Structure formats: C-alpha cells, structure tokens
PDB file of N, CA and C in Angstrom:
ATOM      1  N   MET A   1       0.850  -1.209   0.000  1.00  0.00           N
ATOM      2  CA  MET A   1       0.000   0.000   0.000  1.00  0.00           C
ATOM      3  C   MET A   1       0.880   1.252   0.000  1.00  0.00           C
ATOM      4  N   GLY A   2       0.516   2.192  -0.830  1.00  0.00           N
ATOM      5  CA  GLY A   2       1.319   3.422  -0.878  1.00  0.00           C
ATOM      6  C   GLY A   2       0.424   4.642  -0.781  1.00  0.00           C
ATOM      7  N   MET A   3       1.040   5.794  -0.648  1.00  0.00           N
ATOM      8  CA  MET A   3       0.243   7.031  -0.556  1.00  0.00           C
ATOM      9  C   MET A   3      -0.556   7.234  -1.850  1.00  0.00           C
ATOM     10  N   SER A   4       0.074   6.885  -2.961  1.00  0.00           N
ATOM     11  CA  SER A   4      -0.593   7.076  -4.272  1.00  0.00           C
ATOM     12  C   SER A   4      -1.847   6.196  -4.327  1.00  0.00           C
ATOM     13  N   GLU A   5      -1.725   4.972  -3.828  1.00  0.00           N
ATOM     14  CA  GLU A   5      -2.882   4.059  -3.874  1.00  0.00           C
ATOM     15  C   GLU A   5      -3.986   4.577  -2.973  1.00  0.00           C
ATOM     16  N   MET A   6      -3.631   5.115  -1.830  1.00  0.00           N
ATOM     17  CA  MET A   6      -4.647   5.646  -0.902  1.00  0.00           C
ATOM     18  C   MET A   6      -5.356   6.825  -1.569  1.00  0.00           C
ATOM     19  N   ASN A   7      -4.602   7.642  -2.276  1.00  0.00           N
ATOM     20  CA  ASN A   7      -5.203   8.803  -2.951  1.00  0.00           C
ATOM     21  C   ASN A   7      -6.226   8.334  -3.977  1.00  0.00           C
ATOM     22  N   THR A   8      -5.894   7.264  -4.683  1.00  0.00           N
ATOM     23  CA  THR A   8      -6.812   6.745  -5.707  1.00  0.00           C
ATOM     24  C   THR A   8      -8.085   6.247  -5.035  1.00  0.00           C
ATOM     25  N   TRP A   9      -7.933   5.563  -3.908  1.00  0.00           N
ATOM     26  CA  TRP A   9      -9.102   5.028  -3.200  1.00  0.00           C
ATOM     27  C   TRP A   9     -10.010   6.183  -2.773  1.00  0.00           C
ATOM     28  N   VAL A  10      -9.400   7.264  -2.286  1.00  0.00           N
ATOM     29  CA  VAL A  10     -10.187   8.432  -1.838  1.00  0.00           C
ATOM     30  C   VAL A  10     -10.943   9.016  -3.027  1.00  0.00           C
ATOM     31  N   LEU A  11     -10.279   9.077  -4.164  1.00  0.00           N
ATOM     32  CA  LEU A  11     -10.936   9.638  -5.366  1.00  0.00           C
ATOM     33  C   LEU A  11     -12.116   8.749  -5.764  1.00  0.00           C
ATOM     34  N   ILE A  12     -11.904   7.443  -5.717  1.00  0.00           N
ATOM     35  CA  ILE A  12     -12.983   6.515  -6.105  1.00  0.00           C
ATOM     36  C   ILE A  12     -14.154   6.675  -5.126  1.00  0.00           C
ATOM     37  N   ARG A  13     -13.845   6.790  -3.840  1.00  0.00           N
ATOM     38  CA  ARG A  13     -14.912   6.908  -2.822  1.00  0.00           C
ATOM     39  C   ARG A  13     -15.688   8.203  -3.082  1.00  0.00           C
ATOM     40  N   ARG A  14     -14.961   9.267  -3.419  1.00  0.00           N
ATOM     41  CA  ARG A  14     -15.628  10.577  -3.644  1.00  0.00           C
ATOM     42  C   ARG A  14     -16.522  10.446  -4.879  1.00  0.00           C
ATOM     43  N   TYR A  15     -16.043   9.738  -5.879  1.00  0.00           N
ATOM     44  CA  TYR A  15     -16.837   9.593  -7.109  1.00  0.00           C
ATOM     45  C   TYR A  15     -18.111   8.812  -6.806  1.00  0.00           C
ATOM     46  N   ASP A  16     -17.970   7.810  -5.946  1.00  0.00           N
ATOM     47  CA  ASP A  16     -19.137   6.978  -5.608  1.00  0.00           C
ATOM     48  C   ASP A  16     -20.182   7.836  -4.881  1.00  0.00           C
ATOM     49  N   LYS A  17     -19.716   8.761  -4.042  1.00  0.00           N
ATOM     50  CA  LYS A  17     -20.655   9.617  -3.287  1.00  0.00           C
ATOM     51  C   LYS A  17     -21.423  10.516  -4.250  1.00  0.00           C
ATOM     52  N   LEU A  18     -20.742  10.918  -5.326  1.00  0.00           N
ATOM     53  CA  LEU A  18     -21.383  11.817  -6.288  1.00  0.00           C
ATOM     54  C   LEU A  18     -22.507  11.033  -6.964  1.00  0.00           C
TER      55      LEU A  18
END
C-alpha cells in the first residue's frame, strides 16, 4: 500500500458519493 494508492481510493470513494 502506498500514498498514491490511498489517494486513488479516496478519489474513487468521492466519485461513488457523487
């Protein structure tokens, strides 16, 4: 797990909320 992967997960979660 890396910071870049965590950032991607956050982006995906935000997209799902939209």
